[in-house]
Structures are given as structure tokens and as C-alpha cells.
Amino acid sequence: MDIDRPANVSFFDFVGGAQLLQGEDTRTAMPVLLIGICVSGAVCNLLVLLIFIRDFRNGRGSEVKALLASLASTDLVILLLCAPVRAVTYYRQTWTLGSFACRTTDWFQHSCVVAKTLILAATTKAKHTLIPRTAASGALYSPTWVHGALAFIWIVSMMFPIPQMLFASLLSRGSDFVCVSEMPVCASDFMSLFYKIYPTVTFVAPVIFTIAYYTKTLYTAVNHAPSPQHQSKVVLVLLCLSGALGLMLLPEWGTFTWIRLGYNKPPVGLMMFAQVLLYACSSLSPVILMTMYDDVRQGLVALWFVTTCRSNKRVPAIKCPQTEGNGAEVGANAVGNAVSQMKEATFPDVEHFWTGRRNTHVEDEHDPVPWEKEEKML
């Protein structure tokens, strides 16, 4: 994947995935791996979203669930819009998606990744209490700060990666094109400072703060909370989410910062491994929620029962008679209906038996068991 760097450019790297790779194994294995991650992760995130939507409609929503639903939506967008671009690039080994996609693909992916980190940091302020809903319309009263926090997070997330969009361009290479990022020499000093601040503000500081906060909260919940079992479970879920995000995004942020600070490029295998971990993180988050978060696990079971019951044929139910009387009248009506049904029912075997017994005349007066001569005995 070697390519000559222009003389007036201080930084030069591929955008949208490594291109001009050698080897058919990489060309085949990477797209298959990314597609598998996309499909499994998209299904899991969609299930989590359906569970949260069901909880909010049933009046069991909370601030934490609103933020986790936003996190699942962000993961779903990453898997459906960002990962397929990398899969196509690895398969074609050149850029075939046009100039607009070349300029926006890294910017959009970084916006989503930054939003994920900041959304998890915002959960430290969220409450686990349920949000009531109105009896008339069923609309949820969501706190204003959640809407404002999400709007602020997405604005910041879209503004920070703007250099990823400004420096991206298409470069012709024979009959093909490659998508690269070219930083001019005049902007090298400013961008060198920017690429030190950017990962620190959007990744390192939020992850450290979130993990430290939930570690302390988990210790307090286990030792001093009135109901430590319930509180510690929720905090443990959020701590695992933060830890998994920090560990799995660390290679991507490390290689990104290392390259843009002007150091030697890391091995291509490490860069590809970092990208796979980035998408695997979006697939792991819903798995953590479905296995550790009680509300999500119960909602998943409820969805399973709903889908299985709808697929089965419904058995017609027996409707009870509707009466306006008291309990005694209802009981009398029920008994009368049961007796009338028994009279209408025909039992051919029993009826034939009793008919045969009635037509039989016993001549012996000394029958040891005179049960057939009940009238004479009385």
C-alpha cells in the first residue's frame, strides 16, 4: 500500500480504510469479517431499541434508558453506514464510492465514535427513576436536560472531526482512484496541537472519568446503599460498557493519533485490527445489555413470548354468559347451563347398557344382590 507523498504535504494517509493492499486473503477475509460483525451487531442493537421503545410505551422509561437507546442507535448507524464502506474498500482495494463519500466517511465515523463516548459520560448524571406518562395521550415527559445533552453531544461530535472532512480528497492512480487525507505544510503546526487535544477531550478524559465514577459508585452501592443488589447491577452494567468501549477503541485512537503526529506508520495489520475492534465494540455493547441488564433481559424474554404466541394458532375461547345479577344468580345460571348440557349430551355406550339392563327380567326371587329390584325392596 505504498504511495508517494507530495512535496508540499506534511501528512498523507488513506481515508475510508487501507487501500492498495496486496494479497487475496486480505481482500476476502476482511469483508467477510466486517459483514458478519455488521449483521450480528445490527440485529442485537435493533432488539435493544425495540425493548427500550416498549418500556417507554409502557411507562417504564428512565433517563438512563433514554441515553442507552441513543447509544444503541449510534451503534446501529456505525454498523449500517460506516462498516460497509470499509468492507467495499477492502474488497475493491481502491476507492469506488465517489468524491462525496470520500470526504465524509471518516468525518461521519469519528462523529459517531465521539458521540458514543460522550453519551456514556452523560449517563453518570442520569437517574434510574421511572418517567411518568400522561393518562390521556400516553406521551412521555422526558427531562429537558436529556434532550439538551444529546443535542450538545452531537454538535460537539460533528464539529471536532471537521479536519477529517477538509483534508480528504480523491487521488488518481492510473485508471483507479484512492481516497487520501493530505495535510498542507502551512497547517502542520496548528493541526499537530489539534491532534493532541482532540483525542484527549473526546476519548481519554471521558473514558477515565466514566470508569472512575462508576467504580466509586459501585463501591458505594455495594457497601452503603439501602438496596445494594439492584443499584449495583445497574452500575456494573454501565461500568462494563465504559470499560469495553475504552479498551476496544484504544487501538483505533492510538493508531489515529500516532500517524497524525508525524511518527512512522504502524503496521497495516495493527491498523486493520483496530478497525475491526471499533466495529466489534458496537456489536458487543448490546450483548452486554442483554446479558447483564435485568430490564433488557426481561424485555427480550417478553418479545420472545410475544413473537412465539403470535405465530401459534389461536384456540377459540369459551365465553361465559354475562349476567347482571348477584353471585348466587350467576352460580345458579352456571349450574343450570351445565345440567342442560349434560342432558343434551348423548353417551351411546352407557345408554345401550342401561337399556339392556332395563329390558332384562330376573325371575329368581332369591337374588343375593337385589339391586335391580329397588322398587320392590322399598
Protein backbone atom coordinates (compact mmCIF):
# COMPACT_ATOMS: atom_id res chain seq x y z
CA MET A 1 0.00 0.00 0.00
CA ASP A 2 2.94 2.31 -0.59
CA ILE A 3 2.22 5.57 -2.35
CA ASP A 4 4.38 8.61 -2.92
CA ARG A 5 3.78 11.62 -0.70
CA PRO A 6 3.54 15.02 -2.43
CA ALA A 7 6.30 17.51 -1.62
CA ASN A 8 4.06 20.21 -0.12
CA VAL A 9 2.17 17.81 2.18
CA SER A 10 3.22 17.16 5.79
CA PHE A 11 0.76 14.34 6.41
CA PHE A 12 -0.53 11.73 3.98
CA ASP A 13 -2.73 8.74 4.77
CA PHE A 14 -5.58 6.71 3.36
CA VAL A 15 -9.20 7.54 4.22
CA GLY A 16 -12.04 5.06 4.46
CA GLY A 17 -9.83 2.03 5.03
CA ALA A 18 -6.44 0.82 3.85
CA GLN A 19 -6.21 0.65 0.07
CA LEU A 20 -3.77 -0.79 -2.49
CA LEU A 21 -3.31 -3.89 -0.33
CA GLN A 22 -1.53 -6.95 -1.66
CA GLY A 23 -2.91 -10.45 -1.19
CA GLU A 24 -6.19 -12.15 -1.95
CA ASP A 25 -6.58 -13.42 1.63
CA THR A 26 -6.96 -9.91 2.99
CA ARG A 27 -9.28 -8.94 0.17
CA THR A 28 -11.63 -11.82 1.02
CA ALA A 29 -11.28 -12.22 4.79
CA MET A 30 -11.77 -8.60 5.84
CA PRO A 31 -15.08 -8.01 4.01
CA VAL A 32 -16.50 -11.30 5.29
CA LEU A 33 -15.45 -10.49 8.86
CA LEU A 34 -16.87 -6.97 8.71
CA ILE A 35 -20.15 -8.14 7.18
CA GLY A 36 -20.55 -10.78 9.90
CA ILE A 37 -19.95 -8.18 12.60
CA CYS A 38 -22.41 -5.79 10.93
CA VAL A 39 -25.24 -8.30 10.64
CA SER A 40 -24.97 -9.67 14.18
CA GLY A 41 -24.44 -6.27 15.75
CA ALA A 42 -27.30 -4.66 13.82
CA VAL A 43 -29.74 -7.37 14.93
CA CYS A 44 -28.70 -7.06 18.58
CA ASN A 45 -28.91 -3.25 18.58
CA LEU A 46 -32.29 -3.37 16.89
CA LEU A 47 -33.60 -5.73 19.58
CA VAL A 48 -32.30 -3.42 22.32
CA LEU A 49 -34.02 -0.46 20.67
CA LEU A 50 -37.31 -2.35 20.44
CA ILE A 51 -37.08 -3.29 24.11
CA PHE A 52 -36.45 0.32 25.17
CA ILE A 53 -39.29 1.59 22.96
CA ARG A 54 -41.61 -0.98 24.55
CA ASP A 55 -40.53 0.11 28.04
CA PHE A 56 -41.21 3.76 27.27
CA ARG A 57 -44.62 2.98 25.81
CA ASN A 58 -45.49 1.00 28.95
CA GLY A 59 -44.38 3.80 31.25
CA ARG A 60 -41.16 2.11 32.42
CA GLY A 61 -38.72 4.54 30.86
CA SER A 62 -35.89 6.35 32.61
CA GLU A 63 -33.13 8.80 31.83
CA VAL A 64 -30.55 6.04 31.67
CA LYS A 65 -32.69 4.06 29.25
CA ALA A 66 -33.09 7.13 27.03
CA LEU A 67 -29.32 7.57 26.84
CA LEU A 68 -28.72 3.85 26.30
CA ALA A 69 -31.27 3.90 23.49
CA SER A 70 -29.29 6.75 21.90
CA LEU A 71 -26.14 4.68 22.32
CA ALA A 72 -27.76 1.70 20.60
CA SER A 73 -28.94 3.97 17.77
CA THR A 74 -25.41 5.27 17.30
CA ASP A 75 -24.01 1.75 17.21
CA LEU A 76 -26.64 0.78 14.67
CA VAL A 77 -25.68 3.71 12.43
CA ILE A 78 -21.98 2.80 12.66
CA LEU A 79 -22.66 -0.80 11.68
CA LEU A 80 -25.05 0.00 8.85
CA LEU A 81 -23.34 3.04 7.29
CA CYS A 82 -19.66 3.03 8.25
CA ALA A 83 -18.61 -0.61 8.30
CA PRO A 84 -19.95 -1.46 4.79
CA VAL A 85 -17.78 1.34 3.36
CA ARG A 86 -14.69 -0.36 4.80
CA ALA A 87 -15.82 -3.74 3.52
CA VAL A 88 -16.23 -2.42 -0.03
CA THR A 89 -12.86 -0.65 0.15
CA TYR A 90 -11.03 -3.77 1.31
CA TYR A 91 -12.69 -5.85 -1.39
CA ARG A 92 -12.05 -3.45 -4.28
CA GLN A 93 -8.63 -2.28 -2.93
CA THR A 94 -9.38 1.12 -4.48
CA TRP A 95 -11.97 3.85 -3.89
CA THR A 96 -15.15 3.40 -5.91
CA LEU A 97 -17.73 5.32 -3.85
CA GLY A 98 -17.24 8.81 -5.24
CA SER A 99 -15.90 12.13 -4.01
CA PHE A 100 -18.68 12.92 -1.51
CA ALA A 101 -18.28 9.62 0.33
CA CYS A 102 -14.51 10.09 0.34
CA ARG A 103 -14.80 13.44 2.08
CA THR A 104 -17.44 12.48 4.62
CA THR A 105 -16.77 8.84 5.56
CA ASP A 106 -14.07 9.41 8.20
CA TRP A 107 -15.77 12.56 9.48
CA PHE A 108 -19.08 10.74 9.96
CA GLN A 109 -17.48 7.72 11.62
CA HIS A 110 -15.47 9.87 14.03
CA SER A 111 -18.63 11.86 14.85
CA CYS A 112 -20.43 8.65 15.85
CA VAL A 113 -17.47 7.33 17.85
CA VAL A 114 -17.10 10.59 19.77
CA ALA A 115 -20.86 10.67 20.39
CA LYS A 116 -20.71 7.16 21.89
CA THR A 117 -18.04 8.17 24.38
CA LEU A 118 -19.82 11.37 25.41
CA ILE A 119 -23.21 9.62 25.74
CA LEU A 120 -21.71 7.12 28.17
CA ALA A 121 -20.18 10.02 30.10
CA ALA A 122 -23.63 11.67 30.24
CA THR A 123 -25.11 8.58 31.90
CA THR A 124 -23.17 9.48 35.06
CA LYS A 125 -25.66 12.31 35.63
CA ALA A 126 -28.74 10.33 34.62
CA LYS A 127 -31.22 8.95 37.12
CA HIS A 128 -32.68 5.48 37.21
CA THR A 129 -36.14 6.64 38.28
CA LEU A 130 -39.10 5.96 36.00
CA ILE A 131 -40.56 8.73 33.86
CA PRO A 132 -44.34 9.04 34.23
CA ARG A 133 -46.65 9.39 31.27
CA THR A 134 -49.93 11.20 30.84
CA ALA A 135 -53.13 9.23 31.04
CA ALA A 136 -54.69 10.99 28.05
CA SER A 137 -52.12 10.84 25.28
CA GLY A 138 -49.56 8.44 26.68
CA ALA A 139 -46.72 10.80 25.82
CA LEU A 140 -43.61 10.60 27.93
CA TYR A 141 -42.35 13.53 29.96
CA SER A 142 -38.65 13.28 29.24
CA PRO A 143 -36.34 15.58 31.19
CA THR A 144 -35.18 18.65 29.32
CA TRP A 145 -31.56 18.08 30.20
CA VAL A 146 -31.51 14.73 28.36
CA HIS A 147 -32.63 16.38 25.12
CA GLY A 148 -30.22 19.23 25.63
CA ALA A 149 -27.35 16.87 26.48
CA LEU A 150 -27.93 14.79 23.35
CA ALA A 151 -28.12 17.89 21.16
CA PHE A 152 -24.90 19.26 22.68
CA ILE A 153 -23.15 15.91 22.33
CA TRP A 154 -23.96 15.58 18.64
CA ILE A 155 -23.00 19.19 17.87
CA VAL A 156 -19.62 18.74 19.56
CA SER A 157 -19.17 15.32 17.95
CA MET A 158 -19.73 16.76 14.47
CA MET A 159 -17.53 19.81 14.96
CA PHE A 160 -14.38 18.12 16.28
CA PRO A 161 -13.75 15.80 13.28
CA ILE A 162 -14.17 18.59 10.70
CA PRO A 163 -10.46 18.36 9.67
CA GLN A 164 -11.17 14.78 8.61
CA MET A 165 -13.53 16.22 6.02
CA LEU A 166 -11.43 19.22 4.98
CA PHE A 167 -8.23 17.33 4.16
CA ALA A 168 -9.84 14.33 2.42
CA SER A 169 -9.66 14.16 -1.37
CA LEU A 170 -9.62 11.73 -4.29
CA LEU A 171 -6.29 10.95 -5.91
CA SER A 172 -5.97 9.39 -9.31
CA ARG A 173 -3.73 6.36 -9.63
CA GLY A 174 -3.76 5.10 -13.19
CA SER A 175 -7.30 4.10 -14.09
CA ASP A 176 -8.36 3.86 -10.43
CA PHE A 177 -8.78 6.29 -7.57
CA VAL A 178 -7.72 6.24 -3.95
CA CYS A 179 -9.16 8.31 -1.10
CA VAL A 180 -6.44 10.03 0.92
CA SER A 181 -6.01 12.74 3.54
CA GLU A 182 -3.47 15.43 2.63
CA MET A 183 -2.45 17.99 5.22
CA PRO A 184 -0.56 21.01 3.79
CA VAL A 185 2.64 22.16 5.40
CA CYS A 186 1.15 25.53 6.35
CA ALA A 187 -1.37 23.84 8.67
CA SER A 188 1.01 21.34 10.23
CA ASP A 189 1.76 23.32 13.41
CA PHE A 190 -1.86 24.02 14.25
CA MET A 191 -3.00 20.51 13.38
CA SER A 192 -0.21 18.98 15.45
CA LEU A 193 -1.63 20.76 18.51
CA PHE A 194 -5.18 19.89 17.48
CA TYR A 195 -4.44 16.18 17.20
CA LYS A 196 -3.12 16.22 20.76
CA ILE A 197 -6.20 17.96 22.15
CA TYR A 198 -8.79 16.13 20.06
CA PRO A 199 -8.25 12.54 21.39
CA THR A 200 -7.75 13.81 24.93
CA VAL A 201 -11.01 15.74 25.07
CA THR A 202 -13.18 13.29 23.14
CA PHE A 203 -11.81 9.93 24.29
CA VAL A 204 -9.23 9.83 27.08
CA ALA A 205 -10.85 12.25 29.54
CA PRO A 206 -14.47 11.00 29.18
CA VAL A 207 -13.48 7.33 29.44
CA ILE A 208 -11.29 7.85 32.51
CA PHE A 209 -13.96 9.99 34.18
CA THR A 210 -16.75 7.49 33.43
CA ILE A 211 -14.80 4.44 34.62
CA ALA A 212 -13.65 6.22 37.79
CA TYR A 213 -17.15 7.46 38.55
CA TYR A 214 -18.81 4.06 38.17
CA THR A 215 -16.05 2.31 40.10
CA LYS A 216 -16.63 4.63 43.04
CA THR A 217 -20.42 4.38 42.68
CA LEU A 218 -20.27 0.59 42.58
CA TYR A 219 -18.22 0.53 45.77
CA THR A 220 -20.72 2.85 47.47
CA ALA A 221 -23.73 0.87 46.22
CA VAL A 222 -22.35 -2.44 47.48
CA ASN A 223 -21.33 -1.18 50.90
CA HIS A 224 -23.66 1.68 51.82
CA ALA A 225 -26.78 1.67 49.60
CA PRO A 226 -30.20 0.69 51.07
CA SER A 227 -30.78 -1.80 48.23
CA PRO A 228 -27.28 -2.70 47.09
CA GLN A 229 -28.29 -5.60 44.87
CA HIS A 230 -30.44 -3.57 42.46
CA GLN A 231 -28.24 -0.48 42.35
CA SER A 232 -25.00 -2.38 41.98
CA LYS A 233 -26.35 -4.33 38.99
CA VAL A 234 -27.19 -1.20 37.01
CA VAL A 235 -23.90 0.46 37.90
CA LEU A 236 -21.99 -2.70 36.99
CA VAL A 237 -23.63 -2.73 33.55
CA LEU A 238 -22.62 0.87 32.87
CA LEU A 239 -19.12 0.22 34.18
CA CYS A 240 -18.72 -2.76 31.85
CA LEU A 241 -19.97 -0.70 28.91
CA SER A 242 -17.47 2.06 29.65
CA GLY A 243 -14.59 -0.37 30.15
CA ALA A 244 -15.35 -2.29 26.96
CA LEU A 245 -15.59 0.93 24.95
CA GLY A 246 -12.32 2.25 26.35
CA LEU A 247 -10.37 -0.96 25.70
CA MET A 248 -11.76 -1.69 22.25
CA LEU A 249 -11.42 1.86 20.92
CA LEU A 250 -7.92 2.37 22.32
CA PRO A 251 -6.11 0.78 19.31
CA GLU A 252 -8.10 2.90 16.85
CA TRP A 253 -7.42 6.14 18.69
CA GLY A 254 -3.80 5.16 19.28
CA THR A 255 -3.04 4.49 15.62
CA PHE A 256 -5.02 7.57 14.56
CA THR A 257 -3.06 9.90 16.85
CA TRP A 258 0.28 8.20 16.18
CA ILE A 259 0.00 8.68 12.42
CA ARG A 260 -1.20 12.27 12.58
CA LEU A 261 1.51 13.40 14.94
CA GLY A 262 4.06 12.61 12.23
CA TYR A 263 5.54 9.38 13.56
CA ASN A 264 6.21 6.30 11.49
CA LYS A 265 3.13 4.47 10.35
CA PRO A 266 2.18 1.40 12.40
CA PRO A 267 1.93 -1.99 10.68
CA VAL A 268 -1.01 -2.49 8.36
CA GLY A 269 -2.17 -5.48 10.39
CA LEU A 270 -2.42 -3.35 13.52
CA MET A 271 -4.47 -0.72 11.69
CA MET A 272 -6.86 -3.36 10.36
CA PHE A 273 -7.14 -4.97 13.78
CA ALA A 274 -8.00 -1.57 15.28
CA GLN A 275 -10.78 -1.05 12.75
CA VAL A 276 -12.24 -4.50 13.43
CA LEU A 277 -12.27 -3.78 17.17
CA LEU A 278 -14.06 -0.50 16.54
CA TYR A 279 -16.97 -2.25 14.84
CA ALA A 280 -16.87 -5.18 17.27
CA CYS A 281 -17.35 -2.67 20.10
CA SER A 282 -20.65 -1.60 18.53
CA SER A 283 -21.70 -5.25 18.43
CA LEU A 284 -20.58 -6.02 21.98
CA SER A 285 -22.49 -3.19 23.68
CA PRO A 286 -25.98 -4.66 23.05
CA VAL A 287 -24.74 -8.10 24.12
CA ILE A 288 -23.66 -6.64 27.46
CA LEU A 289 -27.07 -5.02 27.88
CA MET A 290 -29.00 -8.19 27.00
CA THR A 291 -26.97 -10.39 29.34
CA MET A 292 -26.41 -8.11 32.34
CA TYR A 293 -29.19 -5.50 32.38
CA ASP A 294 -32.27 -7.02 34.05
CA ASP A 295 -34.80 -4.77 32.30
CA VAL A 296 -33.38 -5.52 28.87
CA ARG A 297 -33.19 -9.24 29.59
CA GLN A 298 -36.79 -9.33 30.78
CA GLY A 299 -37.87 -7.30 27.76
CA LEU A 300 -36.09 -9.74 25.48
CA VAL A 301 -37.96 -12.64 27.08
CA ALA A 302 -41.24 -10.74 26.69
CA LEU A 303 -40.53 -10.09 23.00
CA TRP A 304 -39.76 -13.77 22.53
CA PHE A 305 -43.07 -14.81 24.07
CA VAL A 306 -44.98 -12.25 22.01
CA THR A 307 -43.46 -13.44 18.73
CA THR A 308 -43.94 -17.12 19.54
CA CYS A 309 -47.56 -16.64 20.67
CA ARG A 310 -48.45 -14.73 17.53
CA SER A 311 -47.03 -17.45 15.37
CA ASN A 312 -49.17 -20.15 17.01
CA LYS A 313 -52.78 -20.66 16.05
CA ARG A 314 -55.25 -19.22 18.47
CA VAL A 315 -57.69 -21.64 20.13
CA PRO A 316 -61.25 -20.23 20.31
CA ALA A 317 -62.06 -19.44 23.90
CA ILE A 318 -65.33 -20.42 25.61
CA LYS A 319 -67.22 -17.30 26.52
CA CYS A 320 -69.00 -17.23 29.86
CA PRO A 321 -72.59 -15.92 29.95
CA GLN A 322 -72.87 -12.32 31.00
CA THR A 323 -75.45 -11.67 33.74
CA GLU A 324 -76.34 -8.62 35.70
CA GLY A 325 -77.41 -10.42 38.85
CA ASN A 326 -75.58 -11.19 42.06
CA GLY A 327 -73.17 -14.01 42.71
CA ALA A 328 -75.89 -16.53 43.66
CA GLU A 329 -77.74 -15.94 40.39
CA VAL A 330 -74.55 -16.31 38.42
CA GLY A 331 -73.81 -19.60 40.18
CA ALA A 332 -77.35 -20.88 39.62
CA ASN A 333 -77.20 -19.99 35.95
CA ALA A 334 -73.87 -21.72 35.59
CA VAL A 335 -75.20 -24.89 37.27
CA GLY A 336 -78.34 -24.84 35.15
CA ASN A 337 -76.33 -24.49 31.97
CA ALA A 338 -74.10 -27.38 32.99
CA VAL A 339 -77.11 -29.61 33.72
CA SER A 340 -78.81 -28.77 30.43
CA GLN A 341 -75.63 -29.53 28.56
CA MET A 342 -75.36 -32.90 30.31
CA LYS A 343 -78.97 -33.75 29.36
CA GLU A 344 -78.37 -32.85 25.73
CA ALA A 345 -75.21 -34.91 25.59
CA THR A 346 -75.57 -38.49 24.36
CA PHE A 347 -73.46 -41.33 25.63
CA PRO A 348 -74.26 -44.24 23.29
CA ASP A 349 -72.34 -46.92 25.16
CA VAL A 350 -73.83 -46.11 28.55
CA GLU A 351 -77.31 -45.64 27.09
CA HIS A 352 -77.17 -49.05 25.43
CA PHE A 353 -76.00 -50.60 28.69
CA TRP A 354 -78.86 -49.21 30.76
CA THR A 355 -81.41 -50.01 28.05
CA GLY A 356 -80.28 -53.59 28.00
CA ARG A 357 -80.44 -53.81 31.78
CA ARG A 358 -83.97 -52.34 31.90
CA ASN A 359 -85.26 -54.88 29.35
CA THR A 360 -83.82 -57.79 31.33
CA HIS A 361 -86.33 -59.58 33.60
CA VAL A 362 -84.90 -61.51 36.54
CA GLU A 363 -87.12 -64.45 37.60
CA ASP A 364 -85.06 -65.53 40.55
CA GLU A 365 -86.58 -64.09 43.71
CA HIS A 366 -83.61 -65.16 45.79
CA ASP A 367 -81.08 -62.97 44.03
CA PRO A 368 -78.24 -62.38 46.52
CA VAL A 369 -77.77 -58.82 45.21
CA PRO A 370 -81.24 -57.44 44.64
CA TRP A 371 -80.10 -54.07 43.41
CA GLU A 372 -82.14 -54.38 40.23
CA LYS A 373 -85.35 -54.73 42.32
CA GLU A 374 -85.08 -51.47 44.09
CA GLU A 375 -88.79 -50.64 43.80
CA LYS A 376 -89.88 -53.95 45.37
CA MET A 377 -87.47 -53.55 48.26
CA LEU A 378 -88.79 -50.10 49.03
